[in-house]
């Protein structure tokens, strides 16, 4: 691979990782819209049911003031809204409106409905702003550091790097960049006011025209869907901009003088991105939408450092930094966490000193890691980099992310490894099916993962799978989670006060922690769900022993080799081959 191909490959992966964060953010927003729409439909239906006569509400009836009991009920709701707004930093203007409403003695029925529906919208947009703000901060910070990491690893030279603080990130995030002079926060609140006005007009017009309440619900659903689409466009455009901004700021910090455009070339690539692909410009000419991405909505182009003579340029930089005593050789297999520890956090205790002949002995990856990597590459399994989760997830939250009926044999092992990744703070989705699923369902590869440095576990050879596995399960440490592979199935297991449980992630109907007596007894469950044999496997007069593989979930924490392996499991949201109803997409 030549130098240009190296940069292109590495930075395309960075773009994919950033894009994935945007996709996940939009998935969260879609969920927020569904919840809000359900609330709105319930509020409107309840209002009509309460005040309608002959399946309708006239304008005069809608403008009738609430009686004392109805007003008291509304004020209780409004006070709850105010408390929520104060606790969750919701739009201050709306909280003020609520306080004014709480002090009033005359409120019409229609005004009451509009207050209720607007509260649902305000909560939804408040959550949306939090989701987008958190995602964009992470996109910028992660993109900035990973860009520096890839450049320093690519040229083989590293030097101390200033850590980003929240104030710096906020300055970037809050600065308007588009021609309308608004930042994403202002756009979100603008979209909020537009949707509130549209919903209020829809409710009023529906009453004036005497339409059936379902007409109002249907019209609001259409407007919510349009707003949701606009939110998706906003998320992906902002993600592309802040990913690009992170690269620009990092290039500047690292004295990169020129940059090159790299477009994702496929059937969806726009004409403008095809035309820009391969062009390079001086950093002084960086201009979003003209010489640098994003060039349009949903743009997937990225940039890479461009050198006329790459390693001459690097040599000059290395010589300059060596005079300050702050230059180190970066091994080609140095992980991002190791780089961050050394060059961002300043702890170089794990970095080997440079020899007098200016060479450094690289840390060799373990044999187990190399064999798993070779197996994935031999089967052409795509590697998707794994990112850190923005915040830890509970077991239930991970189950919600990963679980869903799948009808593909062998995906249980990949799902269990994805669970381990999430449990240890890594953003991993599964499953993609195909070769990836095949590689990680093979018993030989499962055992190789146990051989990774730092992973704790055991392989127990048993003559009878059921009784042998039962003995292993009954000796689990209380409240610890383990990966278990036995019979024809793999799952996460644990022992709690009530007994031993396994984690179901593949059901079309019910997922989560299941007791091992689910099928009547532990032995029956091992037979029916795990496919363990009741009798010995005897062929040609010889008893063939079977293996029971057990791995401590906690021992995978901060394991950089396992993190890299998870990249062969990690799946884009839109590429998951399963659905919540249990149907393979």
Protein backbone atom coordinates (compact mmCIF):
# COMPACT_ATOMS: atom_id res chain seq x y z
CA UNK A 1 0.00 0.00 0.00
CA UNK A 2 1.47 3.38 -0.99
CA UNK A 3 1.28 6.46 1.22
CA UNK A 4 -1.74 7.95 -0.56
CA UNK A 5 -3.69 4.71 -0.22
CA UNK A 6 -2.80 4.54 3.47
CA UNK A 7 -4.23 8.00 4.17
CA UNK A 8 -7.32 7.32 2.08
CA UNK A 9 -8.12 4.04 3.82
CA UNK A 10 -7.59 5.34 7.35
CA UNK A 11 -9.53 8.57 6.88
CA UNK A 12 -12.41 6.84 5.10
CA UNK A 13 -12.76 4.68 8.22
CA UNK A 14 -12.75 7.81 10.39
CA UNK A 15 -15.51 9.31 8.23
CA UNK A 16 -17.55 6.11 8.55
CA UNK A 17 -17.16 6.18 12.34
CA UNK A 18 -18.31 9.82 12.50
CA UNK A 19 -21.18 9.11 10.10
CA UNK A 20 -22.25 6.23 12.33
CA UNK A 21 -22.50 8.59 15.30
CA UNK A 22 -24.84 10.78 13.25
CA UNK A 23 -26.94 7.77 12.26
CA UNK A 24 -27.24 6.67 15.89
CA UNK A 25 -28.21 10.19 16.96
CA UNK A 26 -30.96 10.27 14.32
CA UNK A 27 -32.18 6.86 15.52
CA UNK A 28 -32.52 8.36 19.02
CA UNK A 29 -34.39 11.36 17.61
CA UNK A 30 -36.76 9.10 15.66
CA UNK A 31 -37.59 7.39 18.95
CA UNK A 32 -38.26 10.79 20.56
CA UNK A 33 -40.63 11.69 17.71
CA UNK A 34 -42.51 8.41 18.07
CA UNK A 35 -42.97 8.99 21.79
CA UNK A 36 -44.12 12.59 21.28
CA UNK A 37 -46.54 11.63 18.51
CA UNK A 38 -48.07 8.94 20.70
CA UNK A 39 -48.56 11.51 23.47
CA UNK A 40 -50.11 14.02 21.06
CA UNK A 41 -52.55 11.48 19.67
CA UNK A 42 -53.58 10.50 23.20
CA UNK A 43 -54.05 14.12 24.29
CA UNK A 44 -56.17 15.03 21.25
CA UNK A 45 -58.30 11.88 21.47
CA UNK A 46 -58.91 12.44 25.20
CA UNK A 47 -59.82 16.09 24.62
CA UNK A 48 -62.41 15.24 21.95
CA UNK A 49 -63.82 12.44 24.06
CA UNK A 50 -64.29 14.85 26.95
CA UNK A 51 -65.81 17.81 25.16
CA UNK A 52 -67.33 16.46 21.92
CA UNK A 53 -71.02 16.19 21.22
CA UNK A 54 -72.19 14.28 18.14
CA UNK A 55 -68.56 13.32 17.43
CA UNK A 56 -67.44 16.92 17.04
CA UNK A 57 -66.53 20.11 18.86
CA UNK A 58 -67.74 23.48 17.60
CA UNK A 59 -65.53 26.56 17.77
CA UNK A 60 -67.85 28.07 20.36
CA UNK A 61 -67.55 24.96 22.54
CA UNK A 62 -63.77 24.95 22.10
CA UNK A 63 -63.56 28.57 23.25
CA UNK A 64 -65.72 27.91 26.31
CA UNK A 65 -63.82 28.47 29.53
CA UNK A 66 -62.83 25.58 31.73
CA UNK A 67 -64.95 25.14 34.83
CA UNK A 68 -63.37 25.24 38.29
CA UNK A 69 -62.65 21.51 38.42
CA UNK A 70 -61.19 21.42 34.90
CA UNK A 71 -59.08 24.51 35.61
CA UNK A 72 -57.71 22.96 38.81
CA UNK A 73 -56.76 19.79 36.90
CA UNK A 74 -55.03 21.81 34.19
CA UNK A 75 -53.10 23.92 36.73
CA UNK A 76 -51.86 20.74 38.38
CA UNK A 77 -50.58 19.59 34.97
CA UNK A 78 -49.03 22.99 34.25
CA UNK A 79 -47.21 23.01 37.59
CA UNK A 80 -45.83 19.58 36.73
CA UNK A 81 -44.68 20.97 33.36
CA UNK A 82 -42.96 23.90 35.09
CA UNK A 83 -41.15 21.60 37.50
CA UNK A 84 -39.98 19.38 34.62
CA UNK A 85 -38.80 22.43 32.68
CA UNK A 86 -36.80 23.77 35.61
CA UNK A 87 -35.21 20.39 36.33
CA UNK A 88 -34.33 19.69 32.69
CA UNK A 89 -33.36 23.18 31.50
CA UNK A 90 -36.18 23.34 28.96
CA UNK A 91 -36.70 26.51 26.88
CA UNK A 92 -36.95 29.41 29.36
CA UNK A 93 -39.54 31.25 27.25
CA UNK A 94 -41.88 28.27 27.42
CA UNK A 95 -41.45 27.94 31.20
CA UNK A 96 -42.40 31.63 31.50
CA UNK A 97 -45.53 31.01 29.39
CA UNK A 98 -46.45 28.14 31.68
CA UNK A 99 -45.98 30.30 34.77
CA UNK A 100 -48.28 32.92 33.24
CA UNK A 101 -50.87 30.25 32.44
CA UNK A 102 -50.70 28.92 36.00
CA UNK A 103 -51.60 32.39 37.32
CA UNK A 104 -54.65 32.80 35.06
CA UNK A 105 -58.23 32.21 36.19
CA UNK A 106 -59.78 31.94 32.72
CA UNK A 107 -58.46 29.44 30.19
CA UNK A 108 -60.47 28.06 27.28
CA UNK A 109 -60.74 24.40 26.41
CA UNK A 110 -58.78 24.93 23.20
CA UNK A 111 -56.03 26.84 25.02
CA UNK A 112 -55.76 23.96 27.49
CA UNK A 113 -55.28 21.46 24.67
CA UNK A 114 -52.66 23.66 23.03
CA UNK A 115 -50.76 23.93 26.33
CA UNK A 116 -50.72 20.14 26.66
CA UNK A 117 -49.63 19.50 23.08
CA UNK A 118 -46.96 22.19 23.17
CA UNK A 119 -45.49 20.67 26.33
CA UNK A 120 -44.99 17.39 24.44
CA UNK A 121 -43.27 19.29 21.62
CA UNK A 122 -41.07 21.28 24.03
CA UNK A 123 -39.92 18.12 25.82
CA UNK A 124 -39.19 16.41 22.51
CA UNK A 125 -37.12 19.31 21.16
CA UNK A 126 -35.30 19.69 24.48
CA UNK A 127 -34.29 16.03 24.28
CA UNK A 128 -33.40 16.48 20.62
CA UNK A 129 -31.09 19.39 21.43
CA UNK A 130 -29.38 17.35 24.17
CA UNK A 131 -28.87 14.41 21.79
CA UNK A 132 -27.46 16.54 18.97
CA UNK A 133 -25.26 18.64 21.26
CA UNK A 134 -23.76 15.53 22.88
CA UNK A 135 -23.23 13.85 19.50
CA UNK A 136 -21.58 16.88 17.87
CA UNK A 137 -19.24 17.37 20.81
CA UNK A 138 -18.23 13.73 20.57
CA UNK A 139 -17.87 13.89 16.77
CA UNK A 140 -15.55 16.89 17.03
CA UNK A 141 -13.49 15.62 19.97
CA UNK A 142 -13.19 12.08 18.65
CA UNK A 143 -12.44 13.31 15.12
CA UNK A 144 -9.77 15.73 16.35
CA UNK A 145 -7.89 13.16 18.41
CA UNK A 146 -8.29 10.28 15.94
CA UNK A 147 -7.03 12.50 13.11
CA UNK A 148 -3.90 13.29 15.12
CA UNK A 149 -3.50 9.62 16.01
CA UNK A 150 -3.74 8.45 12.40
CA UNK A 151 -1.29 11.09 11.16
CA UNK A 152 1.29 10.43 13.86
CA UNK A 153 0.94 6.68 13.46
CA UNK A 154 1.13 7.00 9.68
CA UNK A 155 4.36 8.98 9.71
CA UNK A 156 5.80 7.01 12.63
CA UNK A 157 6.50 10.09 14.75
CA UNK A 158 4.59 11.42 17.76
CA UNK A 159 4.80 14.51 19.93
CA UNK A 160 2.83 15.99 22.81
CA UNK A 161 -0.66 17.13 21.92
CA UNK A 162 -2.78 19.66 23.83
CA UNK A 163 -5.92 18.15 25.33
CA UNK A 164 -9.23 19.73 24.31
CA UNK A 165 -11.30 21.19 27.14
CA UNK A 166 -15.07 21.75 27.23
CA UNK A 167 -14.66 25.50 26.74
CA UNK A 168 -12.74 25.01 23.47
CA UNK A 169 -15.27 22.49 22.20
CA UNK A 170 -18.21 24.74 23.14
CA UNK A 171 -16.64 27.60 21.21
CA UNK A 172 -16.48 25.45 18.07
CA UNK A 173 -19.91 23.88 18.56
CA UNK A 174 -21.73 27.16 19.21
CA UNK A 175 -20.18 29.10 16.34
CA UNK A 176 -22.53 29.55 13.34
CA UNK A 177 -21.03 28.18 10.12
CA UNK A 178 -23.79 28.20 7.49
CA UNK A 179 -24.86 31.17 5.37
CA UNK A 180 -27.97 31.80 7.50
CA UNK A 181 -25.74 32.74 10.44
CA UNK A 182 -27.42 30.24 12.81
CA UNK A 183 -25.89 27.44 14.84
CA UNK A 184 -27.64 24.08 15.19
CA UNK A 185 -29.22 25.07 18.53
CA UNK A 186 -30.92 28.06 16.92
CA UNK A 187 -32.07 25.92 13.99
CA UNK A 188 -33.59 23.37 16.38
CA UNK A 189 -35.55 26.03 18.27
CA UNK A 190 -36.62 27.55 14.95
CA UNK A 191 -37.94 24.16 13.84
CA UNK A 192 -39.69 23.83 17.21
CA UNK A 193 -41.59 27.10 16.85
CA UNK A 194 -42.56 26.23 13.28
CA UNK A 195 -43.96 22.86 14.35
CA UNK A 196 -45.83 24.36 17.33
CA UNK A 197 -47.46 26.96 15.05
CA UNK A 198 -48.41 24.31 12.49
CA UNK A 199 -49.95 22.03 15.13
CA UNK A 200 -51.91 24.91 16.69
CA UNK A 201 -53.23 25.96 13.27
CA UNK A 202 -54.17 22.36 12.46
CA UNK A 203 -56.14 21.99 15.70
CA UNK A 204 -57.96 25.30 15.19
CA UNK A 205 -58.77 24.64 11.51
CA UNK A 206 -60.00 21.14 12.30
CA UNK A 207 -62.45 22.56 14.84
CA UNK A 208 -63.61 25.42 12.58
CA UNK A 209 -64.31 23.00 9.73
CA UNK A 210 -65.95 20.47 12.06
CA UNK A 211 -63.70 17.64 10.96
CA UNK A 212 -63.46 14.25 12.62
CA UNK A 213 -60.71 14.17 15.32
CA UNK A 214 -58.89 11.44 13.39
CA UNK A 215 -58.34 13.98 10.60
CA UNK A 216 -56.44 16.21 13.03
CA UNK A 217 -54.40 13.26 14.27
CA UNK A 218 -53.51 12.22 10.70
CA UNK A 219 -52.55 15.77 9.71
CA UNK A 220 -50.38 16.15 12.80
CA UNK A 221 -48.69 12.82 12.03
CA UNK A 222 -47.77 14.15 8.57
CA UNK A 223 -46.34 17.35 10.01
CA UNK A 224 -44.40 15.40 12.64
CA UNK A 225 -42.95 13.19 9.91
CA UNK A 226 -41.83 16.26 7.93
CA UNK A 227 -40.25 17.72 11.06
CA UNK A 228 -38.50 14.40 11.75
CA UNK A 229 -37.08 14.34 8.22
CA UNK A 230 -35.78 17.89 8.68
CA UNK A 231 -34.19 16.84 11.98
CA UNK A 232 -32.43 13.97 10.23
CA UNK A 233 -31.11 16.31 7.55
CA UNK A 234 -29.88 18.69 10.27
CA UNK A 235 -28.12 15.92 12.23
CA UNK A 236 -26.26 14.46 9.26
CA UNK A 237 -25.23 17.89 7.90
CA UNK A 238 -23.98 19.06 11.30
CA UNK A 239 -22.12 15.77 11.80
CA UNK A 240 -20.38 16.20 8.44
CA UNK A 241 -19.42 19.79 9.27
CA UNK A 242 -18.00 19.10 12.75
CA UNK A 243 -16.15 16.04 11.48
CA UNK A 244 -14.61 18.27 8.80
CA UNK A 245 -13.92 21.06 11.33
CA UNK A 246 -12.11 18.61 13.62
CA UNK A 247 -9.84 17.55 10.76
CA UNK A 248 -9.14 21.15 9.75
CA UNK A 249 -8.23 22.21 13.29
CA UNK A 250 -6.06 19.13 13.78
CA UNK A 251 -4.30 19.61 10.42
CA UNK A 252 -3.53 23.18 11.47
CA UNK A 253 -2.20 22.04 14.86
CA UNK A 254 0.06 19.48 13.16
CA UNK A 255 1.38 21.94 10.55
CA UNK A 256 -0.19 20.11 7.60
CA UNK A 257 0.17 22.49 4.66
CA UNK A 258 -2.13 20.88 2.06
CA UNK A 259 -5.22 18.67 2.16
CA UNK A 260 -6.84 16.35 -0.39
CA UNK A 261 -10.52 15.53 -0.93
CA UNK A 262 -11.55 11.87 -0.70
CA UNK A 263 -15.11 11.06 -1.76
CA UNK A 264 -16.95 7.86 -0.87
CA UNK A 265 -17.43 6.48 -4.37
CA UNK A 266 -20.55 4.37 -4.84
CA UNK A 267 -23.95 4.59 -6.53
CA UNK A 268 -25.04 7.32 -4.07
CA UNK A 269 -22.07 9.65 -4.66
CA UNK A 270 -23.12 13.11 -5.85
CA UNK A 271 -21.71 14.69 -9.00
CA UNK A 272 -20.03 17.46 -6.99
CA UNK A 273 -18.22 14.94 -4.75
CA UNK A 274 -17.12 12.88 -7.76
CA UNK A 275 -15.71 16.05 -9.29
CA UNK A 276 -13.88 17.04 -6.11
CA UNK A 277 -12.42 13.59 -5.40
CA UNK A 278 -8.60 13.65 -5.52
CA UNK A 279 -8.26 17.45 -5.66
CA UNK A 280 -5.85 19.04 -3.20
CA UNK A 281 -5.61 22.59 -1.87
CA UNK A 282 -3.44 24.67 0.49
CA UNK A 283 -4.84 24.86 4.03
CA UNK A 284 -5.24 28.61 3.51
CA UNK A 285 -7.95 27.86 0.90
CA UNK A 286 -10.08 25.66 3.18
CA UNK A 287 -13.68 26.78 2.70
CA UNK A 288 -16.63 24.58 3.60
CA UNK A 289 -18.86 23.85 0.62
CA UNK A 290 -16.29 25.17 -1.86
CA UNK A 291 -12.96 23.41 -1.30
CA UNK A 292 -13.79 21.33 1.80
CA UNK A 293 -16.70 19.11 2.89
CA UNK A 294 -19.54 19.06 3.51
CA UNK A 295 -20.41 20.04 -0.06
CA UNK A 296 -24.13 19.27 0.34
CA UNK A 297 -26.69 17.69 2.68
CA UNK A 298 -25.76 14.10 3.64
CA UNK A 299 -22.23 14.63 2.29
CA UNK A 300 -19.86 11.69 3.00
CA UNK A 301 -16.65 13.16 1.59
CA UNK A 302 -13.65 13.56 3.88
CA UNK A 303 -10.15 15.06 3.73
CA UNK A 304 -6.66 13.61 4.13
CA UNK A 305 -3.26 15.29 4.59
CA UNK A 306 -1.50 15.82 1.27
CA UNK A 307 2.29 15.82 0.93
CA UNK A 308 4.26 16.25 -2.30
CA UNK A 309 6.95 14.11 -0.67
CA UNK A 310 5.39 12.69 2.47
CA UNK A 311 8.31 11.30 4.35
CA UNK A 312 10.67 14.19 3.59
CA UNK A 313 8.07 16.45 5.16
CA UNK A 314 7.82 14.14 8.14
CA UNK A 315 11.58 14.01 8.54
CA UNK A 316 11.71 17.78 8.82
CA UNK A 317 9.02 17.75 11.47
CA UNK A 318 10.70 14.95 13.38
CA UNK A 319 14.06 16.72 13.38
CA UNK A 320 12.46 19.96 14.59
CA UNK A 321 10.66 18.24 17.45
CA UNK A 322 13.64 16.16 18.50
CA UNK A 323 15.46 19.38 19.34
CA UNK A 324 12.78 20.11 21.93
CA UNK A 325 13.07 16.63 23.39
CA UNK A 326 9.37 15.92 22.74
CA UNK A 327 9.51 13.61 19.73
CA UNK A 328 8.93 9.87 19.95
CA UNK A 329 8.69 7.12 17.39
CA UNK A 330 5.14 5.77 17.13
CA UNK A 331 4.90 2.00 16.51
CA UNK A 332 2.67 1.03 13.60
CA UNK A 333 0.56 -1.18 15.86
CA UNK A 334 0.09 1.40 18.62
CA UNK A 335 -3.60 1.53 19.56
CA UNK A 336 -5.56 4.75 19.91
CA UNK A 337 -5.82 4.33 23.70
CA UNK A 338 -2.06 3.88 23.99
CA UNK A 339 -1.50 6.99 21.83
CA UNK A 340 -3.99 9.06 23.87
CA UNK A 341 -2.35 8.00 27.12
CA UNK A 342 1.10 9.00 25.86
CA UNK A 343 0.54 12.14 23.78
CA UNK A 344 -2.71 13.66 25.11
CA UNK A 345 -2.53 12.70 28.79
CA UNK A 346 1.28 12.90 28.91
CA UNK A 347 1.86 9.48 30.48
CA UNK A 348 4.67 7.90 28.44
CA UNK A 349 5.43 5.20 30.99
CA UNK A 350 4.23 2.54 28.55
CA UNK A 351 6.14 4.00 25.60
CA UNK A 352 9.47 2.39 24.87
CA UNK A 353 12.42 4.79 24.66
CA UNK A 354 13.96 5.49 21.25
CA UNK A 355 17.20 3.59 20.66
CA UNK A 356 20.38 5.42 19.77
CA UNK A 357 20.09 4.31 16.15
CA UNK A 358 16.67 5.98 15.89
CA UNK A 359 14.72 2.76 15.77
CA UNK A 360 12.07 1.45 18.11
CA UNK A 361 11.07 -2.10 18.77
CA UNK A 362 7.38 -2.38 18.10
CA UNK A 363 5.07 -4.19 20.47
CA UNK A 364 4.01 -7.36 18.72
CA UNK A 365 0.31 -8.21 18.79
CA UNK A 366 -0.49 -11.53 20.44
CA UNK A 367 -0.53 -14.69 18.37
CA UNK A 368 -4.21 -15.21 19.21
CA UNK A 369 -5.08 -11.73 17.91
CA UNK A 370 -3.11 -12.28 14.70
CA UNK A 371 -4.87 -15.59 14.02
CA UNK A 372 -8.34 -14.09 14.53
CA UNK A 373 -7.40 -11.12 12.32
CA UNK A 374 -6.15 -13.48 9.60
CA UNK A 375 -9.38 -15.48 9.79
CA UNK A 376 -11.43 -12.30 9.32
CA UNK A 377 -9.28 -11.04 6.46
CA UNK A 378 -9.32 -14.46 4.76
CA UNK A 379 -13.12 -14.35 4.76
CA UNK A 380 -13.08 -10.69 3.65
CA UNK A 381 -14.87 -9.45 6.77
CA UNK A 382 -15.06 -5.64 6.70
CA UNK A 383 -13.56 -3.83 9.70
CA UNK A 384 -15.65 -0.99 11.17
CA UNK A 385 -13.77 0.95 13.90
CA UNK A 386 -15.30 0.86 17.36
CA UNK A 387 -15.84 4.09 19.29
CA UNK A 388 -16.33 4.71 23.00
CA UNK A 389 -19.89 5.16 24.23
CA UNK A 390 -20.66 8.73 25.27
CA UNK A 391 -21.95 7.36 28.58
CA UNK A 392 -22.11 3.90 30.23
CA UNK A 393 -25.15 1.77 29.44
CA UNK A 394 -27.01 -0.48 31.86
CA UNK A 395 -27.56 -4.14 31.08
CA UNK A 396 -31.20 -3.39 30.13
CA UNK A 397 -30.16 -0.56 27.79
CA UNK A 398 -27.66 -2.83 26.03
CA UNK A 399 -30.29 -5.54 25.67
CA UNK A 400 -32.63 -3.01 24.04
CA UNK A 401 -29.86 -2.04 21.56
CA UNK A 402 -28.88 -5.55 20.56
CA UNK A 403 -31.89 -7.82 21.00
CA UNK A 404 -34.26 -8.75 18.22
CA UNK A 405 -35.48 -11.90 16.59
CA UNK A 406 -33.09 -13.33 14.06
CA UNK A 407 -33.51 -16.50 12.09
CA UNK A 408 -29.85 -16.95 11.22
CA UNK A 409 -27.98 -19.82 12.82
CA UNK A 410 -24.75 -18.92 14.60
CA UNK A 411 -25.29 -15.24 15.37
CA UNK A 412 -25.52 -15.92 19.12
CA UNK A 413 -21.75 -15.73 19.62
CA UNK A 414 -21.38 -12.39 17.80
CA UNK A 415 -24.26 -10.95 19.83
CA UNK A 416 -22.63 -12.08 23.07
CA UNK A 417 -19.30 -10.48 22.11
CA UNK A 418 -21.14 -7.28 21.11
CA UNK A 419 -22.78 -7.28 24.56
CA UNK A 420 -19.34 -7.62 26.19
CA UNK A 421 -18.11 -4.62 24.19
CA UNK A 422 -21.07 -2.45 25.23
CA UNK A 423 -20.75 -3.61 28.84
CA UNK A 424 -17.17 -2.32 28.79
CA UNK A 425 -18.02 1.09 27.33
CA UNK A 426 -17.68 0.43 23.59
CA UNK A 427 -20.26 1.36 20.95
CA UNK A 428 -20.78 -1.97 19.17
CA UNK A 429 -23.83 -3.10 17.21
CA UNK A 430 -24.56 -6.54 15.81
CA UNK A 431 -25.24 -8.40 13.72
CA UNK A 432 -24.19 -8.06 10.10
CA UNK A 433 -24.49 -11.78 9.31
CA UNK A 434 -22.44 -13.43 6.56
CA UNK A 435 -18.74 -14.11 7.02
CA UNK A 436 -18.50 -12.09 10.23
CA UNK A 437 -21.10 -14.25 11.90
CA UNK A 438 -19.39 -17.42 10.61
CA UNK A 439 -15.93 -16.44 11.92
CA UNK A 440 -17.13 -15.69 15.45
CA UNK A 441 -19.31 -18.79 15.73
CA UNK A 442 -16.35 -21.12 15.12
CA UNK A 443 -15.24 -22.86 18.30
CA UNK A 444 -11.56 -22.48 17.39
CA UNK A 445 -11.89 -18.68 17.11
CA UNK A 446 -13.90 -18.47 20.34
CA UNK A 447 -11.04 -20.24 22.12
CA UNK A 448 -8.52 -17.85 20.52
CA UNK A 449 -10.40 -14.91 22.05
CA UNK A 450 -9.93 -16.55 25.45
CA UNK A 451 -6.18 -16.59 24.70
CA UNK A 452 -6.03 -12.79 24.28
CA UNK A 453 -3.75 -11.21 26.93
CA UNK A 454 -5.75 -10.18 29.99
CA UNK A 455 -8.87 -12.25 29.28
CA UNK A 456 -9.79 -14.51 32.20
CA UNK A 457 -11.73 -17.71 31.76
CA UNK A 458 -11.53 -21.44 31.35
CA UNK A 459 -12.05 -24.34 28.97
CA UNK A 460 -13.56 -27.37 30.69
CA UNK A 461 -13.53 -30.66 28.79
CA UNK A 462 -16.59 -32.77 29.60
CA UNK A 463 -17.86 -36.17 28.54
CA UNK A 464 -21.51 -35.31 29.14
CA UNK A 465 -22.36 -31.78 27.97
CA UNK A 466 -25.38 -31.25 30.21
CA UNK A 467 -23.96 -32.46 33.52
CA UNK A 468 -20.54 -30.96 32.75
CA UNK A 469 -22.00 -27.55 31.91
CA UNK A 470 -24.25 -27.64 34.99
CA UNK A 471 -21.18 -28.09 37.17
CA UNK A 472 -19.52 -25.05 35.55
CA UNK A 473 -22.67 -22.92 35.97
CA UNK A 474 -23.18 -23.85 39.60
CA UNK A 475 -19.67 -22.62 40.40
CA UNK A 476 -20.07 -19.13 38.90
CA UNK A 477 -19.10 -16.21 41.14
CA UNK A 478 -22.19 -14.41 42.44
CA UNK A 479 -23.25 -11.33 40.40
CA UNK A 480 -20.46 -11.66 37.81
CA UNK A 481 -21.25 -11.96 34.10
CA UNK A 482 -19.62 -14.52 31.83
CA UNK A 483 -19.56 -15.50 28.18
CA UNK A 484 -20.54 -19.18 27.89
CA UNK A 485 -20.16 -21.37 24.79
CA UNK A 486 -21.47 -24.92 25.16
CA UNK A 487 -23.38 -27.36 23.01
CA UNK A 488 -24.57 -25.42 19.97
CA UNK A 489 -25.15 -22.05 21.60
CA UNK A 490 -23.30 -19.12 23.17
CA UNK A 491 -24.77 -16.61 25.64
CA UNK A 492 -23.95 -14.31 28.52
CA UNK A 493 -24.68 -15.98 31.87
CA UNK A 494 -24.65 -14.96 35.53
CA UNK A 495 -25.48 -16.29 38.98
CA UNK A 496 -27.73 -14.10 41.13
CA UNK A 497 -29.45 -14.69 44.47
CA UNK A 498 -32.44 -16.31 42.77
CA UNK A 499 -30.31 -18.72 40.73
CA UNK A 500 -28.41 -18.95 37.44
CA UNK A 501 -29.63 -16.94 34.42
CA UNK A 502 -28.75 -16.68 30.74
CA UNK A 503 -29.22 -13.68 28.45
CA UNK A 504 -31.63 -14.18 25.56
CA UNK A 505 -30.90 -11.78 22.67
CA UNK A 506 -32.37 -13.62 19.67
CA UNK A 507 -36.04 -14.07 20.45
CA UNK A 508 -38.80 -12.56 18.31
CA UNK A 509 -41.00 -12.25 21.37
CA UNK A 510 -39.14 -11.92 24.68
CA UNK A 511 -35.50 -11.00 25.31
CA UNK A 512 -33.55 -10.35 28.48
CA UNK A 513 -32.34 -12.37 31.45
CA UNK A 514 -33.97 -15.80 31.63
CA UNK A 515 -33.81 -18.32 34.51
CA UNK A 516 -32.04 -21.56 33.68
CA UNK A 517 -35.14 -23.47 34.78
CA UNK A 518 -37.14 -21.77 32.03
CA UNK A 519 -37.85 -25.12 30.39
CA UNK A 520 -38.54 -26.86 33.70
CA UNK A 521 -34.98 -27.46 34.88
CA UNK A 522 -31.40 -26.41 34.15
CA UNK A 523 -30.81 -29.70 32.35
CA UNK A 524 -33.88 -29.20 30.13
CA UNK A 525 -32.85 -25.62 29.26
CA UNK A 526 -29.32 -26.73 28.36
CA UNK A 527 -30.83 -29.37 26.10
CA UNK A 528 -33.57 -27.31 24.45
CA UNK A 529 -31.94 -23.84 24.21
CA UNK A 530 -28.22 -24.64 24.19
CA UNK A 531 -28.40 -27.89 22.23
CA UNK A 532 -26.33 -29.81 24.79
CA UNK A 533 -26.33 -33.60 24.51
CA UNK A 534 -27.81 -35.70 27.27
CA UNK A 535 -25.49 -38.62 26.54
CA UNK A 536 -21.81 -39.03 25.71
CA UNK A 537 -20.56 -38.67 22.15
CA UNK A 538 -19.19 -42.11 21.44
CA UNK A 539 -17.77 -43.08 18.06
CA UNK A 540 -15.60 -46.02 17.04
CA UNK A 541 -15.57 -47.17 20.65
CA UNK A 542 -14.12 -43.87 21.89
CA UNK A 543 -15.80 -41.19 24.03
CA UNK A 544 -15.25 -37.71 22.51
CA UNK A 545 -15.01 -34.95 25.07
CA UNK A 546 -16.72 -31.61 24.46
CA UNK A 547 -15.54 -28.17 25.54
CA UNK A 548 -17.35 -25.69 27.79
CA UNK A 549 -15.81 -22.23 27.25
CA UNK A 550 -16.26 -19.61 29.96
CA UNK A 551 -14.92 -16.02 29.86
CA UNK A 552 -15.18 -13.27 32.49
CA UNK A 553 -16.97 -10.28 30.88
CA UNK A 554 -15.21 -7.79 33.16
CA UNK A 555 -11.75 -9.00 32.12
CA UNK A 556 -12.30 -7.60 28.61
CA UNK A 557 -12.28 -4.03 29.95
CA UNK A 558 -9.60 -1.82 28.32
CA UNK A 559 -8.43 -4.78 26.20
CA UNK A 560 -7.17 -3.04 23.06
CA UNK A 561 -6.86 -6.25 21.03
CA UNK A 562 -10.46 -7.25 21.78
CA UNK A 563 -11.55 -3.71 20.89
CA UNK A 564 -9.93 -4.10 17.47
CA UNK A 565 -11.51 -7.53 17.00
CA UNK A 566 -14.95 -6.05 17.70
CA UNK A 567 -14.47 -3.95 14.57
CA UNK A 568 -15.12 -7.15 12.59
CA UNK A 569 -18.48 -7.53 14.37
CA UNK A 570 -19.54 -3.88 14.60
CA UNK A 571 -22.45 -3.19 12.25
CA UNK A 572 -23.98 -0.01 10.87
CA UNK A 573 -27.51 0.64 12.17
CA UNK A 574 -28.97 0.50 8.67
CA UNK A 575 -27.14 -2.76 7.90
CA UNK A 576 -28.39 -4.83 10.82
CA UNK A 577 -29.95 -7.99 9.45
CA UNK A 578 -32.77 -8.17 11.95
CA UNK A 579 -35.83 -6.24 13.00
CA UNK A 580 -37.68 -5.60 16.22
CA UNK A 581 -40.44 -7.92 15.03
CA UNK A 582 -37.97 -10.72 14.46
CA UNK A 583 -37.84 -10.58 10.68
CA UNK A 584 -34.55 -10.66 8.84
CA UNK A 585 -34.28 -7.50 6.75
